[in-house]
């Protein structure tokens, strides 16, 4: 490959992966073309991308960028899966496909700029996604405020309940007082 072509490829890889901080490194050997096409089609539907790269050119392209931690570890045939919200989303997708792709092996990952080795990548699909973690965090943040508001309103509800029952009791009292005198009148004495 000529220097001109290498420079063009490096420039393209730099534009694609220069700021990427989430990626999964997979090894795909011995997978037929039809299965690979189906796999890539479903990847695109999930806004993910699979690209086989030359490791030397990728290292040159990413330089000291976030992906350099993963690029330094690459060896042999390397395919990168990028895109989506995070590497966790891609790992969950790959977990569904691994039984069908016998020749695929997860080699490593870059998650938010941190390198994960082959052993850690296996557990990546069990982690919650970034969106799930944000939702949990929002729930945790909201919880004390909701509890405080509930406690503040509980006292008012208790007082309102007491007043309502007192009003109902007083409304029934005049009706009961009118019925009571009629019952309290002595029955006429029997005539002799």
N, C-alpha and C. Protein backbone atom coordinates (compact mmCIF):
# COMPACT_ATOMS: atom_id res chain seq x y z
N UNK A 1 0.86 -1.17 0.00
CA UNK A 1 0.00 0.00 0.00
C UNK A 1 0.91 1.23 0.00
N UNK A 2 0.59 2.15 -0.85
CA UNK A 2 1.43 3.36 -0.97
C UNK A 2 1.20 4.31 0.20
N UNK A 3 2.13 5.19 0.42
CA UNK A 3 2.04 6.16 1.51
C UNK A 3 0.82 7.06 1.33
N UNK A 4 0.51 7.44 0.09
CA UNK A 4 -0.64 8.29 -0.20
C UNK A 4 -1.94 7.61 0.23
N UNK A 5 -2.08 6.33 -0.10
CA UNK A 5 -3.29 5.58 0.26
C UNK A 5 -3.37 5.42 1.78
N UNK A 6 -2.24 5.12 2.42
CA UNK A 6 -2.22 5.00 3.88
C UNK A 6 -2.64 6.31 4.54
N UNK A 7 -2.18 7.42 4.02
CA UNK A 7 -2.55 8.72 4.58
C UNK A 7 -4.04 8.99 4.40
N UNK A 8 -4.60 8.61 3.26
CA UNK A 8 -6.04 8.78 3.04
C UNK A 8 -6.85 7.94 4.02
N UNK A 9 -6.44 6.68 4.19
CA UNK A 9 -7.16 5.79 5.12
C UNK A 9 -7.03 6.30 6.55
N UNK A 10 -5.83 6.74 6.91
CA UNK A 10 -5.60 7.28 8.25
C UNK A 10 -6.48 8.50 8.51
N UNK A 11 -6.59 9.36 7.54
CA UNK A 11 -7.42 10.56 7.67
C UNK A 11 -8.89 10.17 7.87
N UNK A 12 -9.35 9.20 7.10
CA UNK A 12 -10.74 8.73 7.23
C UNK A 12 -10.98 8.10 8.61
N UNK A 13 -10.05 7.26 9.05
CA UNK A 13 -10.18 6.64 10.37
C UNK A 13 -10.15 7.68 11.48
N UNK A 14 -9.32 8.71 11.33
CA UNK A 14 -9.25 9.78 12.33
C UNK A 14 -10.58 10.52 12.42
N UNK A 15 -11.20 10.77 11.28
CA UNK A 15 -12.50 11.47 11.30
C UNK A 15 -13.58 10.59 11.92
N UNK A 16 -13.47 9.28 11.75
CA UNK A 16 -14.48 8.36 12.28
C UNK A 16 -14.28 8.05 13.76
N UNK A 17 -13.03 7.84 14.17
CA UNK A 17 -12.75 7.33 15.51
C UNK A 17 -11.95 8.29 16.39
N UNK A 18 -11.68 9.49 15.93
CA UNK A 18 -10.84 10.41 16.68
C UNK A 18 -11.35 10.72 18.08
N UNK A 19 -12.66 10.88 18.24
CA UNK A 19 -13.23 11.24 19.54
C UNK A 19 -14.06 10.12 20.16
N UNK A 20 -14.00 8.93 19.59
CA UNK A 20 -14.79 7.80 20.09
C UNK A 20 -14.23 7.32 21.41
N UNK A 21 -15.10 7.18 22.42
CA UNK A 21 -14.65 6.65 23.70
C UNK A 21 -15.42 5.40 24.11
N UNK A 22 -16.24 4.83 23.20
CA UNK A 22 -16.96 3.59 23.42
C UNK A 22 -16.80 2.70 22.19
N UNK A 23 -16.27 1.52 22.39
CA UNK A 23 -16.10 0.58 21.28
C UNK A 23 -15.91 -0.82 21.84
N UNK A 24 -16.27 -1.80 21.04
CA UNK A 24 -16.03 -3.20 21.40
C UNK A 24 -15.16 -3.82 20.31
N UNK A 25 -14.14 -4.52 20.74
CA UNK A 25 -13.21 -5.19 19.83
C UNK A 25 -13.63 -6.64 19.75
N UNK A 26 -13.98 -7.09 18.55
CA UNK A 26 -14.37 -8.48 18.33
C UNK A 26 -13.46 -9.11 17.29
N UNK A 27 -13.40 -10.41 17.35
CA UNK A 27 -12.66 -11.19 16.37
C UNK A 27 -13.68 -12.06 15.66
N UNK A 28 -13.75 -11.95 14.34
CA UNK A 28 -14.73 -12.71 13.55
C UNK A 28 -13.97 -13.58 12.56
N UNK A 29 -13.95 -14.86 12.81
CA UNK A 29 -13.24 -15.79 11.93
C UNK A 29 -14.19 -16.94 11.58
N UNK A 30 -14.25 -17.25 10.30
CA UNK A 30 -15.02 -18.40 9.84
C UNK A 30 -16.52 -18.22 9.82
N UNK A 31 -17.00 -17.00 9.70
CA UNK A 31 -18.44 -16.75 9.65
C UNK A 31 -18.82 -16.53 8.19
N UNK A 32 -19.87 -17.22 7.76
CA UNK A 32 -20.26 -17.11 6.35
C UNK A 32 -20.82 -15.73 6.02
N UNK A 33 -20.84 -15.41 4.74
CA UNK A 33 -21.25 -14.08 4.27
C UNK A 33 -22.70 -13.75 4.56
N UNK A 34 -23.59 -14.72 4.42
CA UNK A 34 -25.02 -14.46 4.65
C UNK A 34 -25.26 -14.08 6.11
N UNK A 35 -24.67 -14.83 7.02
CA UNK A 35 -24.83 -14.52 8.45
C UNK A 35 -24.22 -13.16 8.78
N UNK A 36 -23.06 -12.87 8.20
CA UNK A 36 -22.42 -11.58 8.43
C UNK A 36 -23.29 -10.44 7.94
N UNK A 37 -23.91 -10.60 6.78
CA UNK A 37 -24.80 -9.56 6.25
C UNK A 37 -26.01 -9.35 7.15
N UNK A 38 -26.60 -10.44 7.65
CA UNK A 38 -27.74 -10.32 8.56
C UNK A 38 -27.31 -9.61 9.84
N UNK A 39 -26.14 -9.98 10.33
CA UNK A 39 -25.61 -9.37 11.55
C UNK A 39 -25.40 -7.87 11.35
N UNK A 40 -24.77 -7.49 10.25
CA UNK A 40 -24.51 -6.07 9.97
C UNK A 40 -25.82 -5.30 9.76
N UNK A 41 -26.81 -5.92 9.14
CA UNK A 41 -28.11 -5.26 8.92
C UNK A 41 -28.76 -4.93 10.28
N UNK A 42 -28.75 -5.91 11.18
CA UNK A 42 -29.34 -5.66 12.49
C UNK A 42 -28.52 -4.66 13.30
N UNK A 43 -27.22 -4.66 13.10
CA UNK A 43 -26.38 -3.64 13.74
C UNK A 43 -26.81 -2.24 13.29
N UNK A 44 -26.99 -2.05 11.99
CA UNK A 44 -27.40 -0.75 11.46
C UNK A 44 -28.75 -0.32 12.02
N UNK A 45 -29.67 -1.28 12.18
CA UNK A 45 -30.98 -0.95 12.75
C UNK A 45 -30.86 -0.43 14.18
N UNK A 46 -29.83 -0.86 14.88
CA UNK A 46 -29.57 -0.41 16.26
C UNK A 46 -28.61 0.79 16.32
N UNK A 47 -28.31 1.38 15.16
CA UNK A 47 -27.38 2.50 15.05
C UNK A 47 -25.97 2.13 15.53
N UNK A 48 -25.59 0.89 15.26
CA UNK A 48 -24.26 0.40 15.56
C UNK A 48 -23.54 0.13 14.25
N UNK A 49 -22.21 0.07 14.33
CA UNK A 49 -21.42 -0.12 13.11
C UNK A 49 -20.30 -1.10 13.38
N UNK A 50 -20.08 -2.02 12.45
CA UNK A 50 -18.98 -2.98 12.51
C UNK A 50 -18.00 -2.65 11.40
N UNK A 51 -16.72 -2.51 11.76
CA UNK A 51 -15.72 -2.22 10.75
C UNK A 51 -14.44 -2.99 11.09
N UNK A 52 -13.93 -3.69 10.10
CA UNK A 52 -12.65 -4.37 10.23
C UNK A 52 -11.58 -3.35 9.87
N UNK A 53 -10.59 -3.20 10.75
CA UNK A 53 -9.58 -2.17 10.57
C UNK A 53 -8.18 -2.78 10.62
N UNK A 54 -7.27 -2.11 9.95
CA UNK A 54 -5.85 -2.47 10.08
C UNK A 54 -5.35 -1.82 11.36
N UNK A 55 -4.81 -2.62 12.24
CA UNK A 55 -4.44 -2.11 13.56
C UNK A 55 -3.38 -1.02 13.49
N UNK A 56 -2.40 -1.16 12.62
CA UNK A 56 -1.35 -0.14 12.53
C UNK A 56 -1.92 1.20 12.09
N UNK A 57 -2.83 1.17 11.12
CA UNK A 57 -3.43 2.42 10.65
C UNK A 57 -4.35 3.03 11.71
N UNK A 58 -5.05 2.19 12.44
CA UNK A 58 -5.93 2.71 13.50
C UNK A 58 -5.10 3.37 14.59
N UNK A 59 -4.01 2.74 15.00
CA UNK A 59 -3.14 3.33 16.02
C UNK A 59 -2.62 4.70 15.57
N UNK A 60 -2.25 4.76 14.33
CA UNK A 60 -1.75 6.01 13.76
C UNK A 60 -2.86 7.07 13.72
N UNK A 61 -4.07 6.64 13.41
CA UNK A 61 -5.19 7.57 13.27
C UNK A 61 -5.66 8.15 14.61
N UNK A 62 -5.73 7.31 15.64
CA UNK A 62 -6.28 7.80 16.91
C UNK A 62 -5.24 8.51 17.76
N UNK A 63 -3.96 8.28 17.49
CA UNK A 63 -2.90 8.98 18.22
C UNK A 63 -3.05 8.85 19.71
N UNK A 64 -3.23 9.97 20.40
CA UNK A 64 -3.41 9.99 21.86
C UNK A 64 -4.87 10.18 22.25
N UNK A 65 -5.78 9.97 21.32
CA UNK A 65 -7.20 10.15 21.60
C UNK A 65 -7.74 9.09 22.55
N UNK A 66 -9.03 9.17 22.88
CA UNK A 66 -9.63 8.22 23.81
C UNK A 66 -9.53 6.75 23.37
N UNK A 67 -9.58 6.52 22.06
CA UNK A 67 -9.56 5.15 21.55
C UNK A 67 -8.15 4.54 21.57
N UNK A 68 -7.16 5.34 21.90
CA UNK A 68 -5.77 4.84 21.89
C UNK A 68 -5.56 3.72 22.90
N UNK A 69 -6.30 3.74 24.01
CA UNK A 69 -6.17 2.68 25.02
C UNK A 69 -6.56 1.33 24.43
N UNK A 70 -7.57 1.31 23.60
CA UNK A 70 -7.99 0.07 22.95
C UNK A 70 -7.08 -0.24 21.77
N UNK A 71 -6.72 0.76 21.00
CA UNK A 71 -5.89 0.55 19.80
C UNK A 71 -4.54 -0.05 20.16
N UNK A 72 -4.00 0.30 21.31
CA UNK A 72 -2.71 -0.25 21.73
C UNK A 72 -2.79 -1.75 22.02
N UNK A 73 -3.95 -2.24 22.37
CA UNK A 73 -4.13 -3.66 22.71
C UNK A 73 -4.45 -4.52 21.49
N UNK A 74 -4.89 -3.90 20.39
CA UNK A 74 -5.31 -4.66 19.20
C UNK A 74 -4.16 -5.49 18.65
N UNK A 75 -4.49 -6.72 18.29
CA UNK A 75 -3.54 -7.57 17.57
C UNK A 75 -4.35 -8.56 16.74
N UNK A 76 -3.78 -8.99 15.65
CA UNK A 76 -4.47 -9.93 14.78
C UNK A 76 -5.65 -9.29 14.08
N UNK A 77 -6.57 -10.12 13.61
CA UNK A 77 -7.75 -9.58 12.92
C UNK A 77 -8.63 -8.82 13.91
N UNK A 78 -8.85 -7.56 13.65
CA UNK A 78 -9.60 -6.72 14.59
C UNK A 78 -10.80 -6.10 13.90
N UNK A 79 -11.93 -6.25 14.54
CA UNK A 79 -13.15 -5.60 14.08
C UNK A 79 -13.68 -4.77 15.24
N UNK A 80 -14.07 -3.55 14.97
CA UNK A 80 -14.59 -2.66 16.00
C UNK A 80 -16.08 -2.45 15.80
N UNK A 81 -16.81 -2.52 16.90
CA UNK A 81 -18.23 -2.20 16.88
C UNK A 81 -18.37 -0.91 17.66
N UNK A 82 -18.90 0.10 17.01
CA UNK A 82 -19.06 1.42 17.62
C UNK A 82 -20.48 1.92 17.38
N UNK A 83 -20.81 3.01 18.04
CA UNK A 83 -22.12 3.64 17.84
C UNK A 83 -23.03 3.36 19.01
N UNK A 84 -24.29 3.74 18.86
CA UNK A 84 -25.25 3.58 19.93
C UNK A 84 -24.95 4.53 21.07
N UNK A 85 -25.63 4.36 22.18
CA UNK A 85 -25.41 5.21 23.34
C UNK A 85 -24.11 4.88 24.06
N UNK A 86 -23.80 3.58 24.15
CA UNK A 86 -22.57 3.18 24.84
C UNK A 86 -22.20 1.77 24.43
N UNK A 87 -21.06 1.33 24.90
CA UNK A 87 -20.60 -0.03 24.62
C UNK A 87 -21.50 -1.06 25.30
N UNK A 88 -22.20 -0.67 26.36
CA UNK A 88 -23.10 -1.59 27.05
C UNK A 88 -24.24 -1.99 26.12
N UNK A 89 -24.78 -1.02 25.40
CA UNK A 89 -25.86 -1.30 24.45
C UNK A 89 -25.38 -2.28 23.38
N UNK A 90 -24.18 -2.06 22.86
CA UNK A 90 -23.61 -2.95 21.85
C UNK A 90 -23.36 -4.34 22.44
N UNK A 91 -22.90 -4.41 23.69
CA UNK A 91 -22.65 -5.70 24.33
C UNK A 91 -23.94 -6.48 24.52
N UNK A 92 -25.01 -5.80 24.86
CA UNK A 92 -26.31 -6.48 25.00
C UNK A 92 -26.75 -7.07 23.65
N UNK A 93 -26.53 -6.32 22.59
CA UNK A 93 -26.87 -6.81 21.26
C UNK A 93 -26.00 -8.01 20.89
N UNK A 94 -24.71 -7.92 21.15
CA UNK A 94 -23.80 -9.02 20.84
C UNK A 94 -24.12 -10.27 21.64
N UNK A 95 -24.58 -10.09 22.87
CA UNK A 95 -24.94 -11.23 23.71
C UNK A 95 -26.05 -12.06 23.05
N UNK A 96 -26.96 -11.40 22.34
CA UNK A 96 -28.03 -12.12 21.63
C UNK A 96 -27.48 -12.87 20.42
N UNK A 97 -26.46 -12.31 19.78
CA UNK A 97 -25.93 -12.89 18.55
C UNK A 97 -24.83 -13.92 18.76
N UNK A 98 -24.16 -13.94 19.88
CA UNK A 98 -23.03 -14.84 20.09
C UNK A 98 -23.37 -16.32 19.87
N UNK A 99 -24.53 -16.81 20.28
CA UNK A 99 -24.83 -18.22 20.00
C UNK A 99 -24.93 -18.53 18.50
N UNK A 100 -25.34 -17.57 17.70
CA UNK A 100 -25.47 -17.78 16.24
C UNK A 100 -24.15 -17.58 15.51
N UNK A 101 -23.24 -16.81 16.09
CA UNK A 101 -21.96 -16.52 15.46
C UNK A 101 -20.86 -17.31 16.18
N UNK A 102 -20.67 -18.54 15.77
CA UNK A 102 -19.71 -19.42 16.45
C UNK A 102 -18.27 -18.93 16.32
N UNK A 103 -17.96 -18.20 15.26
CA UNK A 103 -16.60 -17.73 15.04
C UNK A 103 -16.31 -16.36 15.63
N UNK A 104 -17.25 -15.80 16.41
CA UNK A 104 -17.03 -14.47 17.00
C UNK A 104 -16.52 -14.61 18.42
N UNK A 105 -15.56 -13.79 18.74
CA UNK A 105 -14.99 -13.78 20.09
C UNK A 105 -14.83 -12.33 20.53
N UNK A 106 -15.30 -12.02 21.74
CA UNK A 106 -15.14 -10.68 22.30
C UNK A 106 -13.74 -10.58 22.88
N UNK A 107 -12.98 -9.61 22.42
CA UNK A 107 -11.58 -9.50 22.84
C UNK A 107 -11.34 -8.37 23.83
N UNK A 108 -12.11 -7.32 23.77
CA UNK A 108 -11.92 -6.20 24.68
C UNK A 108 -12.92 -5.10 24.36
N UNK A 109 -12.91 -4.08 25.19
CA UNK A 109 -13.85 -2.97 24.97
C UNK A 109 -13.29 -1.70 25.58
N UNK A 110 -13.82 -0.61 25.11
CA UNK A 110 -13.52 0.70 25.66
C UNK A 110 -14.85 1.28 26.10
N UNK A 111 -15.00 1.50 27.39
CA UNK A 111 -16.26 2.01 27.95
C UNK A 111 -15.97 3.34 28.63
N UNK A 112 -16.50 4.42 28.05
CA UNK A 112 -16.29 5.77 28.58
C UNK A 112 -14.79 6.05 28.79
N UNK A 113 -13.98 5.58 27.85
CA UNK A 113 -12.54 5.86 27.89
C UNK A 113 -11.72 4.87 28.69
N UNK A 114 -12.36 3.90 29.36
CA UNK A 114 -11.64 2.90 30.16
C UNK A 114 -11.58 1.57 29.42
N UNK A 115 -10.39 0.97 29.37
CA UNK A 115 -10.22 -0.30 28.67
C UNK A 115 -10.70 -1.45 29.55
N UNK A 116 -11.47 -2.36 28.94
CA UNK A 116 -11.92 -3.58 29.61
C UNK A 116 -11.33 -4.77 28.87
N UNK A 117 -10.73 -5.69 29.61
CA UNK A 117 -10.14 -6.85 28.96
C UNK A 117 -11.20 -7.89 28.60
N UNK A 118 -10.76 -8.99 28.05
CA UNK A 118 -11.66 -10.02 27.55
C UNK A 118 -12.58 -10.57 28.65
N UNK A 119 -12.07 -10.74 29.86
CA UNK A 119 -12.88 -11.26 30.96
C UNK A 119 -13.96 -10.26 31.37
N UNK A 120 -13.62 -9.00 31.38
CA UNK A 120 -14.58 -7.97 31.81
C UNK A 120 -15.65 -7.71 30.75
N UNK A 121 -15.32 -7.93 29.48
CA UNK A 121 -16.29 -7.69 28.41
C UNK A 121 -17.47 -8.64 28.52
N UNK A 122 -17.23 -9.85 28.99
CA UNK A 122 -18.31 -10.84 29.12
C UNK A 122 -19.40 -10.32 30.07
N UNK A 123 -19.04 -9.60 31.12
CA UNK A 123 -20.01 -9.06 32.06
C UNK A 123 -20.61 -7.73 31.65
N UNK A 124 -20.10 -7.17 30.57
CA UNK A 124 -20.56 -5.85 30.11
C UNK A 124 -22.04 -5.86 29.73
N UNK A 125 -22.52 -6.97 29.17
CA UNK A 125 -23.92 -7.02 28.73
C UNK A 125 -24.89 -7.07 29.91
N UNK A 126 -24.39 -7.39 31.09
CA UNK A 126 -25.26 -7.46 32.27
C UNK A 126 -25.37 -6.12 32.98
N UNK A 127 -24.55 -5.16 32.57
CA UNK A 127 -24.58 -3.83 33.20
C UNK A 127 -25.78 -3.03 32.68
N UNK A 128 -26.28 -2.11 33.50
CA UNK A 128 -27.33 -1.23 32.99
C UNK A 128 -26.74 -0.21 32.02
N UNK A 129 -27.57 0.22 31.08
CA UNK A 129 -27.11 1.21 30.10
C UNK A 129 -27.02 2.58 30.75
N UNK A 130 -26.45 3.50 30.04
CA UNK A 130 -26.29 4.87 30.56
C UNK A 130 -27.66 5.48 30.85
N UNK A 131 -28.62 5.26 29.97
CA UNK A 131 -29.96 5.81 30.16
C UNK A 131 -30.61 5.22 31.42
N UNK A 132 -30.42 3.90 31.65
CA UNK A 132 -30.97 3.26 32.84
C UNK A 132 -30.34 3.84 34.11
N UNK A 133 -29.03 4.04 34.07
CA UNK A 133 -28.35 4.60 35.23
C UNK A 133 -28.81 6.03 35.52
N UNK A 134 -29.03 6.81 34.47
CA UNK A 134 -29.51 8.18 34.65
C UNK A 134 -30.91 8.18 35.26
N UNK A 135 -31.75 7.25 34.82
CA UNK A 135 -33.11 7.16 35.36
C UNK A 135 -33.07 6.77 36.84
N UNK A 136 -32.21 5.82 37.18
CA UNK A 136 -32.07 5.42 38.59
C UNK A 136 -31.58 6.59 39.43
N UNK A 137 -30.59 7.28 38.93
CA UNK A 137 -30.02 8.42 39.66
C UNK A 137 -31.08 9.50 39.88
N UNK A 138 -31.86 9.78 38.84
CA UNK A 138 -32.94 10.77 38.98
C UNK A 138 -33.96 10.33 40.02
N UNK A 139 -34.26 9.04 40.05
CA UNK A 139 -35.18 8.52 41.06
C UNK A 139 -34.63 8.66 42.47
N UNK A 140 -33.32 8.37 42.62
CA UNK A 140 -32.69 8.51 43.93
C UNK A 140 -32.66 9.97 44.37
N UNK A 141 -32.42 10.87 43.45
CA UNK A 141 -32.36 12.29 43.78
C UNK A 141 -33.75 12.80 44.14
N UNK A 142 -34.75 12.33 43.43
CA UNK A 142 -36.12 12.79 43.64
C UNK A 142 -36.75 12.21 44.91
N UNK A 143 -36.30 11.05 45.33
CA UNK A 143 -36.92 10.33 46.44
C UNK A 143 -36.97 11.11 47.75
N UNK A 144 -35.87 11.70 48.24
CA UNK A 144 -35.98 12.44 49.50
C UNK A 144 -36.95 13.61 49.43
N UNK A 145 -36.97 14.32 48.32
CA UNK A 145 -37.90 15.43 48.16
C UNK A 145 -39.35 14.96 48.16
N UNK A 146 -39.59 13.84 47.51
CA UNK A 146 -40.95 13.30 47.47
C UNK A 146 -41.37 12.84 48.86
N UNK A 147 -40.45 12.23 49.60
CA UNK A 147 -40.77 11.80 50.97
C UNK A 147 -41.05 13.00 51.87
N UNK A 148 -40.27 14.07 51.71
CA UNK A 148 -40.47 15.28 52.51
C UNK A 148 -41.83 15.91 52.19
N UNK A 149 -42.15 16.02 50.92
CA UNK A 149 -43.45 16.60 50.53
C UNK A 149 -44.59 15.75 51.06
N UNK A 150 -44.45 14.44 51.00
CA UNK A 150 -45.49 13.55 51.50
C UNK A 150 -45.66 13.73 53.01
N UNK A 151 -44.54 13.84 53.72
CA UNK A 151 -44.62 14.03 55.18
C UNK A 151 -45.27 15.37 55.52
N UNK A 152 -44.95 16.42 54.76
CA UNK A 152 -45.54 17.72 55.02
C UNK A 152 -47.04 17.72 54.75
N UNK A 153 -47.46 17.03 53.71
CA UNK A 153 -48.87 16.98 53.38
C UNK A 153 -49.66 16.03 54.28
N UNK A 154 -48.97 15.06 54.88
CA UNK A 154 -49.66 14.08 55.72
C UNK A 154 -50.32 14.75 56.92
N UNK A 155 -49.63 15.71 57.55
CA UNK A 155 -50.22 16.40 58.70
C UNK A 155 -51.48 17.14 58.32
N UNK A 156 -51.47 17.83 57.20
CA UNK A 156 -52.65 18.54 56.73
C UNK A 156 -53.79 17.59 56.40
N UNK A 157 -53.45 16.43 55.83
CA UNK A 157 -54.49 15.44 55.53
C UNK A 157 -55.11 14.90 56.80
N UNK A 158 -54.29 14.68 57.81
CA UNK A 158 -54.81 14.16 59.08
C UNK A 158 -55.76 15.17 59.73
N UNK A 159 -55.36 16.44 59.73
CA UNK A 159 -56.21 17.48 60.31
C UNK A 159 -57.50 17.61 59.51
N UNK A 160 -57.41 17.57 58.19
CA UNK A 160 -58.61 17.67 57.35
C UNK A 160 -59.54 16.49 57.61
N UNK A 161 -58.98 15.31 57.80
CA UNK A 161 -59.81 14.13 58.09
C UNK A 161 -60.52 14.26 59.43
N UNK A 162 -59.81 14.77 60.42
CA UNK A 162 -60.42 14.97 61.75
C UNK A 162 -61.54 16.00 61.68
N UNK A 163 -61.30 17.13 60.99
CA UNK A 163 -62.33 18.16 60.85
C UNK A 163 -63.56 17.62 60.12
N UNK A 164 -63.34 16.83 59.09
CA UNK A 164 -64.46 16.27 58.33
C UNK A 164 -65.31 15.36 59.21
N UNK A 165 -64.66 14.50 59.97
CA UNK A 165 -65.43 13.60 60.83
C UNK A 165 -66.16 14.37 61.93
N UNK A 166 -65.56 15.46 62.45
CA UNK A 166 -66.21 16.30 63.46
C UNK A 166 -67.43 16.99 62.87
N UNK A 167 -67.32 17.51 61.65
CA UNK A 167 -68.45 18.17 60.98
C UNK A 167 -69.59 17.17 60.76
N UNK A 168 -69.23 15.98 60.30
CA UNK A 168 -70.27 14.97 60.07
C UNK A 168 -70.95 14.60 61.38
N UNK A 169 -70.18 14.52 62.46
CA UNK A 169 -70.74 14.19 63.77
C UNK A 169 -71.69 15.29 64.24
N UNK A 170 -71.29 16.55 64.05
CA UNK A 170 -72.13 17.68 64.48
C UNK A 170 -73.39 17.78 63.61
N UNK A 171 -73.29 17.46 62.33
CA UNK A 171 -74.48 17.51 61.47
C UNK A 171 -75.47 16.44 61.87
N UNK A 172 -75.00 15.31 62.32
CA UNK A 172 -75.89 14.23 62.76
C UNK A 172 -76.46 14.49 64.16
N UNK A 173 -75.80 15.29 64.96
CA UNK A 173 -76.22 15.55 66.34
C UNK A 173 -77.57 16.25 66.41
N UNK A 174 -77.90 17.33 65.61
CA UNK A 174 -79.22 17.94 65.72
C UNK A 174 -80.34 16.98 65.32
N UNK A 175 -80.07 16.16 64.32
CA UNK A 175 -81.10 15.19 63.91
C UNK A 175 -81.32 14.18 65.03
N UNK A 176 -80.30 13.79 65.69
CA UNK A 176 -80.41 12.84 66.80
C UNK A 176 -81.09 13.50 68.00
N UNK A 177 -80.84 14.83 68.22
CA UNK A 177 -81.46 15.55 69.35
C UNK A 177 -82.96 15.68 69.13
N UNK A 178 -83.43 15.90 67.92
CA UNK A 178 -84.86 16.00 67.64
C UNK A 178 -85.54 14.65 67.82
N UNK A 179 -84.87 13.60 67.45
CA UNK A 179 -85.45 12.27 67.59
C UNK A 179 -85.45 11.83 69.05
N UNK A 180 -84.54 12.30 69.83
CA UNK A 180 -84.43 11.88 71.23
C UNK A 180 -85.59 12.39 72.08
N UNK A 181 -86.09 13.67 71.97
CA UNK A 181 -87.20 14.11 72.82
C UNK A 181 -88.47 13.31 72.55
N UNK A 182 -88.71 12.97 71.31
CA UNK A 182 -89.91 12.19 71.03
C UNK A 182 -89.83 10.84 71.71
N UNK A 183 -88.70 10.30 71.78
CA UNK A 183 -88.54 8.99 72.43
C UNK A 183 -88.54 9.16 73.93
N UNK A 184 -88.20 10.35 74.43
CA UNK A 184 -88.10 10.56 75.86
C UNK A 184 -89.46 10.86 76.50
N UNK A 185 -90.50 11.21 75.69
CA UNK A 185 -91.81 11.49 76.27
C UNK A 185 -92.36 10.23 76.90
N UNK A 186 -92.91 10.39 78.14
CA UNK A 186 -93.42 9.19 78.81
C UNK A 186 -94.70 8.72 78.12
N UNK A 187 -94.84 7.51 78.13
CA UNK A 187 -96.04 6.93 77.54
C UNK A 187 -97.22 7.24 78.47
N UNK A 188 -98.43 7.49 77.90
CA UNK A 188 -99.57 7.81 78.77
C UNK A 188 -99.88 6.66 79.72
N UNK A 189 -100.26 7.06 80.88
CA UNK A 189 -100.57 6.07 81.90
C UNK A 189 -101.87 5.37 81.56
N UNK A 190 -101.94 4.13 81.81
CA UNK A 190 -103.18 3.42 81.50
C UNK A 190 -104.34 3.89 82.40
N UNK A 191 -105.45 4.06 81.79
CA UNK A 191 -106.62 4.54 82.52
C UNK A 191 -107.20 3.41 83.34
N UNK A 192 -107.64 3.81 84.49
CA UNK A 192 -108.19 2.82 85.39
C UNK A 192 -109.65 2.83 85.43
